[in-house]
Amino acid sequence: MSTEKRETRLSIRIDPALKEAAQNVANDKGMDLSTAVNMFLAKMVKDHALPFTPTSLPAETLQAFKEAKTPDKLEKYSTSDAMWTVLDV
């Protein structure tokens, strides 16, 4: 019996912007996107579960949570009236 590792291709359709963003994250972690996907799948199989907790929160809420983790990048207002003006409310 051969001990060679066999490989197969996985073809999926994703948004090009999502792919690029995911590639950037993987590269920042020192790996390519293929390695990151393989790690995801290996973890899913090992735990027989998704390696994250799915959420039903709206995308806007999730983005707000993400932005809140970097308060230095949040827009600041001198008064509440200035905030409401920018928000066009």
PDB file of N, CA and C in Angstrom:
ATOM      1  N   MET A   1       0.844  -1.198   0.000  1.00  0.00           N
ATOM      2  CA  MET A   1       0.000   0.000   0.000  1.00  0.00           C
ATOM      3  C   MET A   1       0.881   1.251   0.000  1.00  0.00           C
ATOM      4  N   SER A   2       0.534   2.214  -0.792  1.00  0.00           N
ATOM      5  CA  SER A   2       1.301   3.445  -0.923  1.00  0.00           C
ATOM      6  C   SER A   2       1.057   4.362   0.268  1.00  0.00           C
ATOM      7  N   THR A   3       2.118   5.018   0.705  1.00  0.00           N
ATOM      8  CA  THR A   3       1.981   5.981   1.807  1.00  0.00           C
ATOM      9  C   THR A   3       1.889   7.402   1.297  1.00  0.00           C
ATOM     10  N   GLU A   4       1.848   7.545  -0.041  1.00  0.00           N
ATOM     11  CA  GLU A   4       1.729   8.881  -0.617  1.00  0.00           C
ATOM     12  C   GLU A   4       0.413   9.527  -0.225  1.00  0.00           C
ATOM     13  N   LYS A   5       0.506  10.784   0.067  1.00  0.00           N
ATOM     14  CA  LYS A   5      -0.691  11.555   0.396  1.00  0.00           C
ATOM     15  C   LYS A   5      -1.421  11.907  -0.893  1.00  0.00           C
ATOM     16  N   ARG A   6      -2.666  11.567  -0.970  1.00  0.00           N
ATOM     17  CA  ARG A   6      -3.456  11.918  -2.149  1.00  0.00           C
ATOM     18  C   ARG A   6      -4.172  13.235  -1.878  1.00  0.00           C
ATOM     19  N   GLU A   7      -4.286  14.015  -2.911  1.00  0.00           N
ATOM     20  CA  GLU A   7      -4.970  15.296  -2.775  1.00  0.00           C
ATOM     21  C   GLU A   7      -6.104  15.374  -3.778  1.00  0.00           C
ATOM     22  N   THR A   8      -7.116  16.143  -3.421  1.00  0.00           N
ATOM     23  CA  THR A   8      -8.229  16.393  -4.317  1.00  0.00           C
ATOM     24  C   THR A   8      -8.499  17.888  -4.327  1.00  0.00           C
ATOM     25  N   ARG A   9      -9.175  18.352  -5.318  1.00  0.00           N
ATOM     26  CA  ARG A   9      -9.509  19.771  -5.423  1.00  0.00           C
ATOM     27  C   ARG A   9     -10.882  20.026  -4.817  1.00  0.00           C
ATOM     28  N   LEU A  10     -11.021  21.193  -4.245  1.00  0.00           N
ATOM     29  CA  LEU A  10     -12.303  21.682  -3.739  1.00  0.00           C
ATOM     30  C   LEU A  10     -12.577  22.975  -4.480  1.00  0.00           C
ATOM     31  N   SER A  11     -13.667  23.016  -5.192  1.00  0.00           N
ATOM     32  CA  SER A  11     -14.010  24.202  -5.963  1.00  0.00           C
ATOM     33  C   SER A  11     -15.271  24.819  -5.365  1.00  0.00           C
ATOM     34  N   ILE A  12     -15.157  26.073  -4.939  1.00  0.00           N
ATOM     35  CA  ILE A  12     -16.314  26.765  -4.363  1.00  0.00           C
ATOM     36  C   ILE A  12     -16.434  28.140  -5.010  1.00  0.00           C
ATOM     37  N   ARG A  13     -17.619  28.685  -4.977  1.00  0.00           N
ATOM     38  CA  ARG A  13     -17.848  30.037  -5.496  1.00  0.00           C
ATOM     39  C   ARG A  13     -18.019  30.975  -4.294  1.00  0.00           C
ATOM     40  N   ILE A  14     -17.215  32.024  -4.296  1.00  0.00           N
ATOM     41  CA  ILE A  14     -17.325  33.022  -3.242  1.00  0.00           C
ATOM     42  C   ILE A  14     -17.163  34.403  -3.861  1.00  0.00           C
ATOM     43  N   ASP A  15     -17.583  35.386  -3.125  1.00  0.00           N
ATOM     44  CA  ASP A  15     -17.453  36.773  -3.546  1.00  0.00           C
ATOM     45  C   ASP A  15     -15.960  37.107  -3.692  1.00  0.00           C
ATOM     46  N   PRO A  16     -15.572  37.727  -4.800  1.00  0.00           N
ATOM     47  CA  PRO A  16     -14.150  38.058  -5.005  1.00  0.00           C
ATOM     48  C   PRO A  16     -13.555  38.919  -3.888  1.00  0.00           C
ATOM     49  N   ALA A  17     -14.334  39.844  -3.358  1.00  0.00           N
ATOM     50  CA  ALA A  17     -13.832  40.700  -2.271  1.00  0.00           C
ATOM     51  C   ALA A  17     -13.596  39.879  -1.007  1.00  0.00           C
ATOM     52  N   LEU A  18     -14.479  38.917  -0.754  1.00  0.00           N
ATOM     53  CA  LEU A  18     -14.308  38.042   0.413  1.00  0.00           C
ATOM     54  C   LEU A  18     -13.047  37.205   0.254  1.00  0.00           C
ATOM     55  N   LYS A  19     -12.825  36.679  -0.947  1.00  0.00           N
ATOM     56  CA  LYS A  19     -11.626  35.876  -1.197  1.00  0.00           C
ATOM     57  C   LYS A  19     -10.373  36.709  -0.970  1.00  0.00           C
ATOM     58  N   GLU A  20     -10.351  37.919  -1.512  1.00  0.00           N
ATOM     59  CA  GLU A  20      -9.180  38.773  -1.347  1.00  0.00           C
ATOM     60  C   GLU A  20      -8.935  39.104   0.119  1.00  0.00           C
ATOM     61  N   ALA A  21     -10.004  39.425   0.851  1.00  0.00           N
ATOM     62  CA  ALA A  21      -9.861  39.742   2.276  1.00  0.00           C
ATOM     63  C   ALA A  21      -9.356  38.523   3.048  1.00  0.00           C
ATOM     64  N   ALA A  22      -9.877  37.341   2.708  1.00  0.00           N
ATOM     65  CA  ALA A  22      -9.445  36.114   3.382  1.00  0.00           C
ATOM     66  C   ALA A  22      -7.979  35.813   3.056  1.00  0.00           C
ATOM     67  N   GLN A  23      -7.569  36.042   1.815  1.00  0.00           N
ATOM     68  CA  GLN A  23      -6.172  35.846   1.443  1.00  0.00           C
ATOM     69  C   GLN A  23      -5.266  36.784   2.238  1.00  0.00           C
ATOM     70  N   ASN A  24      -5.706  38.011   2.424  1.00  0.00           N
ATOM     71  CA  ASN A  24      -4.918  38.975   3.200  1.00  0.00           C
ATOM     72  C   ASN A  24      -4.756  38.515   4.641  1.00  0.00           C
ATOM     73  N   VAL A  25      -5.844  38.019   5.241  1.00  0.00           N
ATOM     74  CA  VAL A  25      -5.766  37.532   6.617  1.00  0.00           C
ATOM     75  C   VAL A  25      -4.829  36.334   6.698  1.00  0.00           C
ATOM     76  N   ALA A  26      -5.001  35.382   5.788  1.00  0.00           N
ATOM     77  CA  ALA A  26      -4.135  34.197   5.777  1.00  0.00           C
ATOM     78  C   ALA A  26      -2.675  34.608   5.611  1.00  0.00           C
ATOM     79  N   ASN A  27      -2.405  35.517   4.678  1.00  0.00           N
ATOM     80  CA  ASN A  27      -1.028  35.987   4.463  1.00  0.00           C
ATOM     81  C   ASN A  27      -0.468  36.654   5.712  1.00  0.00           C
ATOM     82  N   ASP A  28      -1.308  37.429   6.412  1.00  0.00           N
ATOM     83  CA  ASP A  28      -0.873  38.076   7.655  1.00  0.00           C
ATOM     84  C   ASP A  28      -0.493  37.039   8.707  1.00  0.00           C
ATOM     85  N   LYS A  29      -1.104  35.849   8.605  1.00  0.00           N
ATOM     86  CA  LYS A  29      -0.819  34.769   9.558  1.00  0.00           C
ATOM     87  C   LYS A  29       0.291  33.852   9.056  1.00  0.00           C
ATOM     88  N   GLY A  30       0.877  34.202   7.901  1.00  0.00           N
ATOM     89  CA  GLY A  30       2.002  33.443   7.384  1.00  0.00           C
ATOM     90  C   GLY A  30       1.632  32.196   6.602  1.00  0.00           C
ATOM     91  N   MET A  31       0.448  32.178   6.012  1.00  0.00           N
ATOM     92  CA  MET A  31       0.036  31.010   5.231  1.00  0.00           C
ATOM     93  C   MET A  31      -0.752  31.456   4.018  1.00  0.00           C
ATOM     94  N   ASP A  32      -0.980  30.526   3.118  1.00  0.00           N
ATOM     95  CA  ASP A  32      -1.821  30.839   1.966  1.00  0.00           C
ATOM     96  C   ASP A  32      -3.260  30.433   2.285  1.00  0.00           C
ATOM     97  N   LEU A  33      -4.169  30.824   1.407  1.00  0.00           N
ATOM     98  CA  LEU A  33      -5.587  30.576   1.639  1.00  0.00           C
ATOM     99  C   LEU A  33      -5.896  29.076   1.649  1.00  0.00           C
ATOM    100  N   SER A  34      -5.219  28.308   0.810  1.00  0.00           N
ATOM    101  CA  SER A  34      -5.433  26.865   0.766  1.00  0.00           C
ATOM    102  C   SER A  34      -5.107  26.228   2.114  1.00  0.00           C
ATOM    103  N   THR A  35      -4.011  26.637   2.722  1.00  0.00           N
ATOM    104  CA  THR A  35      -3.632  26.112   4.042  1.00  0.00           C
ATOM    105  C   THR A  35      -4.677  26.485   5.082  1.00  0.00           C
ATOM    106  N   ALA A  36      -5.159  27.729   5.029  1.00  0.00           N
ATOM    107  CA  ALA A  36      -6.171  28.173   5.994  1.00  0.00           C
ATOM    108  C   ALA A  36      -7.458  27.353   5.852  1.00  0.00           C
ATOM    109  N   VAL A  37      -7.884  27.107   4.615  1.00  0.00           N
ATOM    110  CA  VAL A  37      -9.096  26.319   4.386  1.00  0.00           C
ATOM    111  C   VAL A  37      -8.881  24.887   4.874  1.00  0.00           C
ATOM    112  N   ASN A  38      -7.708  24.310   4.609  1.00  0.00           N
ATOM    113  CA  ASN A  38      -7.410  22.969   5.097  1.00  0.00           C
ATOM    114  C   ASN A  38      -7.439  22.904   6.618  1.00  0.00           C
ATOM    115  N   MET A  39      -6.919  23.945   7.281  1.00  0.00           N
ATOM    116  CA  MET A  39      -6.957  23.988   8.748  1.00  0.00           C
ATOM    117  C   MET A  39      -8.399  24.052   9.241  1.00  0.00           C
ATOM    118  N   PHE A  40      -9.208  24.873   8.584  1.00  0.00           N
ATOM    119  CA  PHE A  40     -10.621  24.990   8.940  1.00  0.00           C
ATOM    120  C   PHE A  40     -11.303  23.629   8.841  1.00  0.00           C
ATOM    121  N   LEU A  41     -11.110  22.946   7.711  1.00  0.00           N
ATOM    122  CA  LEU A  41     -11.768  21.658   7.490  1.00  0.00           C
ATOM    123  C   LEU A  41     -11.265  20.602   8.471  1.00  0.00           C
ATOM    124  N   ALA A  42      -9.953  20.590   8.748  1.00  0.00           N
ATOM    125  CA  ALA A  42      -9.400  19.619   9.695  1.00  0.00           C
ATOM    126  C   ALA A  42      -9.993  19.829  11.088  1.00  0.00           C
ATOM    127  N   LYS A  43     -10.115  21.069  11.506  1.00  0.00           N
ATOM    128  CA  LYS A  43     -10.698  21.383  12.821  1.00  0.00           C
ATOM    129  C   LYS A  43     -12.169  20.979  12.860  1.00  0.00           C
ATOM    130  N   MET A  44     -12.892  21.234  11.787  1.00  0.00           N
ATOM    131  CA  MET A  44     -14.305  20.870  11.719  1.00  0.00           C
ATOM    132  C   MET A  44     -14.464  19.359  11.844  1.00  0.00           C
ATOM    133  N   VAL A  45     -13.643  18.602  11.147  1.00  0.00           N
ATOM    134  CA  VAL A  45     -13.728  17.135  11.198  1.00  0.00           C
ATOM    135  C   VAL A  45     -13.314  16.621  12.579  1.00  0.00           C
ATOM    136  N   LYS A  46     -12.215  17.164  13.126  1.00  0.00           N
ATOM    137  CA  LYS A  46     -11.729  16.720  14.441  1.00  0.00           C
ATOM    138  C   LYS A  46     -12.790  16.908  15.524  1.00  0.00           C
ATOM    139  N   ASP A  47     -13.420  18.074  15.536  1.00  0.00           N
ATOM    140  CA  ASP A  47     -14.404  18.403  16.574  1.00  0.00           C
ATOM    141  C   ASP A  47     -15.823  17.985  16.201  1.00  0.00           C
ATOM    142  N   HIS A  48     -16.003  17.570  14.961  1.00  0.00           N
ATOM    143  CA  HIS A  48     -17.333  17.250  14.424  1.00  0.00           C
ATOM    144  C   HIS A  48     -18.294  18.421  14.680  1.00  0.00           C
ATOM    145  N   ALA A  49     -17.771  19.626  14.409  1.00  0.00           N
ATOM    146  CA  ALA A  49     -18.534  20.859  14.627  1.00  0.00           C
ATOM    147  C   ALA A  49     -17.848  21.974  13.849  1.00  0.00           C
ATOM    148  N   LEU A  50     -18.556  23.066  13.679  1.00  0.00           N
ATOM    149  CA  LEU A  50     -17.943  24.244  13.074  1.00  0.00           C
ATOM    150  C   LEU A  50     -16.985  24.866  14.080  1.00  0.00           C
ATOM    151  N   PRO A  51     -15.849  25.399  13.615  1.00  0.00           N
ATOM    152  CA  PRO A  51     -14.888  26.005  14.543  1.00  0.00           C
ATOM    153  C   PRO A  51     -15.255  27.434  14.954  1.00  0.00           C
ATOM    154  N   PHE A  52     -16.511  27.750  14.885  1.00  0.00           N
ATOM    155  CA  PHE A  52     -17.014  29.046  15.335  1.00  0.00           C
ATOM    156  C   PHE A  52     -18.484  28.868  15.643  1.00  0.00           C
ATOM    157  N   THR A  53     -19.070  29.815  16.335  1.00  0.00           N
ATOM    158  CA  THR A  53     -20.490  29.766  16.635  1.00  0.00           C
ATOM    159  C   THR A  53     -21.229  30.632  15.630  1.00  0.00           C
ATOM    160  N   PRO A  54     -22.060  30.006  14.782  1.00  0.00           N
ATOM    161  CA  PRO A  54     -22.824  30.813  13.818  1.00  0.00           C
ATOM    162  C   PRO A  54     -23.721  31.801  14.551  1.00  0.00           C
ATOM    163  N   THR A  55     -23.966  32.925  13.938  1.00  0.00           N
ATOM    164  CA  THR A  55     -24.813  33.940  14.535  1.00  0.00           C
ATOM    165  C   THR A  55     -25.874  34.368  13.534  1.00  0.00           C
ATOM    166  N   SER A  56     -26.971  34.816  14.069  1.00  0.00           N
ATOM    167  CA  SER A  56     -28.035  35.297  13.189  1.00  0.00           C
ATOM    168  C   SER A  56     -28.132  36.821  13.243  1.00  0.00           C
ATOM    169  N   LEU A  57     -27.097  37.454  13.791  1.00  0.00           N
ATOM    170  CA  LEU A  57     -27.102  38.909  13.856  1.00  0.00           C
ATOM    171  C   LEU A  57     -26.947  39.491  12.460  1.00  0.00           C
ATOM    172  N   PRO A  58     -27.567  40.632  12.217  1.00  0.00           N
ATOM    173  CA  PRO A  58     -27.409  41.285  10.907  1.00  0.00           C
ATOM    174  C   PRO A  58     -25.945  41.655  10.649  1.00  0.00           C
ATOM    175  N   ALA A  59     -25.580  41.666   9.390  1.00  0.00           N
ATOM    176  CA  ALA A  59     -24.204  41.988   9.005  1.00  0.00           C
ATOM    177  C   ALA A  59     -23.780  43.356   9.538  1.00  0.00           C
ATOM    178  N   GLU A  60     -24.704  44.314   9.574  1.00  0.00           N
ATOM    179  CA  GLU A  60     -24.381  45.654  10.071  1.00  0.00           C
ATOM    180  C   GLU A  60     -23.996  45.618  11.551  1.00  0.00           C
ATOM    181  N   THR A  61     -24.692  44.788  12.319  1.00  0.00           N
ATOM    182  CA  THR A  61     -24.395  44.660  13.749  1.00  0.00           C
ATOM    183  C   THR A  61     -23.037  44.012  13.942  1.00  0.00           C
ATOM    184  N   LEU A  62     -22.753  42.957  13.174  1.00  0.00           N
ATOM    185  CA  LEU A  62     -21.458  42.298  13.262  1.00  0.00           C
ATOM    186  C   LEU A  62     -20.332  43.254  12.890  1.00  0.00           C
ATOM    187  N   GLN A  63     -20.563  44.096  11.877  1.00  0.00           N
ATOM    188  CA  GLN A  63     -19.564  45.092  11.481  1.00  0.00           C
ATOM    189  C   GLN A  63     -19.358  46.105  12.600  1.00  0.00           C
ATOM    190  N   ALA A  64     -20.426  46.508  13.267  1.00  0.00           N
ATOM    191  CA  ALA A  64     -20.312  47.452  14.384  1.00  0.00           C
ATOM    192  C   ALA A  64     -19.492  46.849  15.523  1.00  0.00           C
ATOM    193  N   PHE A  65     -19.703  45.560  15.809  1.00  0.00           N
ATOM    194  CA  PHE A  65     -18.909  44.880  16.837  1.00  0.00           C
ATOM    195  C   PHE A  65     -17.432  44.887  16.454  1.00  0.00           C
ATOM    196  N   LYS A  66     -17.160  44.614  15.183  1.00  0.00           N
ATOM    197  CA  LYS A  66     -15.784  44.585  14.700  1.00  0.00           C
ATOM    198  C   LYS A  66     -15.148  45.964  14.835  1.00  0.00           C
ATOM    199  N   GLU A  67     -15.883  46.995  14.437  1.00  0.00           N
ATOM    200  CA  GLU A  67     -15.362  48.361  14.525  1.00  0.00           C
ATOM    201  C   GLU A  67     -15.138  48.781  15.979  1.00  0.00           C
ATOM    202  N   ALA A  68     -15.978  48.296  16.878  1.00  0.00           N
ATOM    203  CA  ALA A  68     -15.857  48.668  18.289  1.00  0.00           C
ATOM    204  C   ALA A  68     -14.571  48.124  18.911  1.00  0.00           C
ATOM    205  N   LYS A  69     -13.974  47.106  18.291  1.00  0.00           N
ATOM    206  CA  LYS A  69     -12.725  46.546  18.807  1.00  0.00           C
ATOM    207  C   LYS A  69     -11.524  47.433  18.493  1.00  0.00           C
ATOM    208  N   THR A  70     -11.730  48.423  17.626  1.00  0.00           N
ATOM    209  CA  THR A  70     -10.657  49.365  17.283  1.00  0.00           C
ATOM    210  C   THR A  70     -11.167  50.786  17.501  1.00  0.00           C
ATOM    211  N   PRO A  71     -11.339  51.177  18.766  1.00  0.00           N
ATOM    212  CA  PRO A  71     -11.939  52.487  19.053  1.00  0.00           C
ATOM    213  C   PRO A  71     -11.148  53.660  18.506  1.00  0.00           C
ATOM    214  N   ASP A  72      -9.850  53.477  18.287  1.00  0.00           N
ATOM    215  CA  ASP A  72      -9.049  54.586  17.760  1.00  0.00           C
ATOM    216  C   ASP A  72      -9.443  54.940  16.329  1.00  0.00           C
ATOM    217  N   LYS A  73     -10.117  54.013  15.638  1.00  0.00           N
ATOM    218  CA  LYS A  73     -10.535  54.261  14.258  1.00  0.00           C
ATOM    219  C   LYS A  73     -11.983  54.761  14.163  1.00  0.00           C
ATOM    220  N   LEU A  74     -12.689  54.798  15.272  1.00  0.00           N
ATOM    221  CA  LEU A  74     -14.081  55.242  15.256  1.00  0.00           C
ATOM    222  C   LEU A  74     -14.156  56.759  15.104  1.00  0.00           C
ATOM    223  N   GLU A  75     -15.197  57.198  14.419  1.00  0.00           N
ATOM    224  CA  GLU A  75     -15.404  58.633  14.255  1.00  0.00           C
ATOM    225  C   GLU A  75     -15.879  59.216  15.587  1.00  0.00           C
ATOM    226  N   LYS A  76     -15.328  60.359  15.932  1.00  0.00           N
ATOM    227  CA  LYS A  76     -15.687  61.006  17.202  1.00  0.00           C
ATOM    228  C   LYS A  76     -16.383  62.331  16.912  1.00  0.00           C
ATOM    229  N   TYR A  77     -17.290  62.700  17.788  1.00  0.00           N
ATOM    230  CA  TYR A  77     -18.081  63.922  17.619  1.00  0.00           C
ATOM    231  C   TYR A  77     -17.932  64.788  18.857  1.00  0.00           C
ATOM    232  N   SER A  78     -17.944  66.084  18.657  1.00  0.00           N
ATOM    233  CA  SER A  78     -17.808  67.010  19.794  1.00  0.00           C
ATOM    234  C   SER A  78     -19.132  67.169  20.534  1.00  0.00           C
ATOM    235  N   THR A  79     -20.244  67.002  19.818  1.00  0.00           N
ATOM    236  CA  THR A  79     -21.567  67.109  20.442  1.00  0.00           C
ATOM    237  C   THR A  79     -22.488  66.053  19.827  1.00  0.00           C
ATOM    238  N   SER A  80     -23.575  65.806  20.536  1.00  0.00           N
ATOM    239  CA  SER A  80     -24.548  64.856  19.992  1.00  0.00           C
ATOM    240  C   SER A  80     -25.203  65.429  18.731  1.00  0.00           C
ATOM    241  N   ASP A  81     -25.384  66.747  18.684  1.00  0.00           N
ATOM    242  CA  ASP A  81     -25.954  67.370  17.481  1.00  0.00           C
ATOM    243  C   ASP A  81     -25.055  67.131  16.261  1.00  0.00           C
ATOM    244  N   ALA A  82     -23.751  67.209  16.456  1.00  0.00           N
ATOM    245  CA  ALA A  82     -22.815  66.957  15.350  1.00  0.00           C
ATOM    246  C   ALA A  82     -22.958  65.520  14.856  1.00  0.00           C
ATOM    247  N   MET A  83     -23.122  64.580  15.790  1.00  0.00           N
ATOM    248  CA  MET A  83     -23.302  63.181  15.415  1.00  0.00           C
ATOM    249  C   MET A  83     -24.581  63.011  14.596  1.00  0.00           C
ATOM    250  N   TRP A  84     -25.671  63.594  15.085  1.00  0.00           N
ATOM    251  CA  TRP A  84     -26.951  63.447  14.388  1.00  0.00           C
ATOM    252  C   TRP A  84     -26.897  64.084  13.005  1.00  0.00           C
ATOM    253  N   THR A  85     -26.161  65.180  12.865  1.00  0.00           N
ATOM    254  CA  THR A  85     -26.018  65.824  11.566  1.00  0.00           C
ATOM    255  C   THR A  85     -25.306  64.912  10.587  1.00  0.00           C
ATOM    256  N   VAL A  86     -24.220  64.298  11.019  1.00  0.00           N
ATOM    257  CA  VAL A  86     -23.472  63.377  10.168  1.00  0.00           C
ATOM    258  C   VAL A  86     -24.321  62.171   9.814  1.00  0.00           C
ATOM    259  N   LEU A  87     -25.106  61.697  10.773  1.00  0.00           N
ATOM    260  CA  LEU A  87     -25.967  60.526  10.526  1.00  0.00           C
ATOM    261  C   LEU A  87     -27.201  60.891   9.692  1.00  0.00           C
ATOM    262  N   ASP A  88     -27.407  62.173   9.465  1.00  0.00           N
ATOM    263  CA  ASP A  88     -28.536  62.661   8.683  1.00  0.00           C
ATOM    264  C   ASP A  88     -29.871  62.227   9.284  1.00  0.00           C
ATOM    265  N   VAL A  89     -29.943  62.404  10.602  1.00  0.00           N
ATOM    266  CA  VAL A  89     -31.175  62.018  11.323  1.00  0.00           C
ATOM    267  C   VAL A  89     -31.872  63.250  11.832  1.00  0.00           C
TER     268      VAL A  89
END
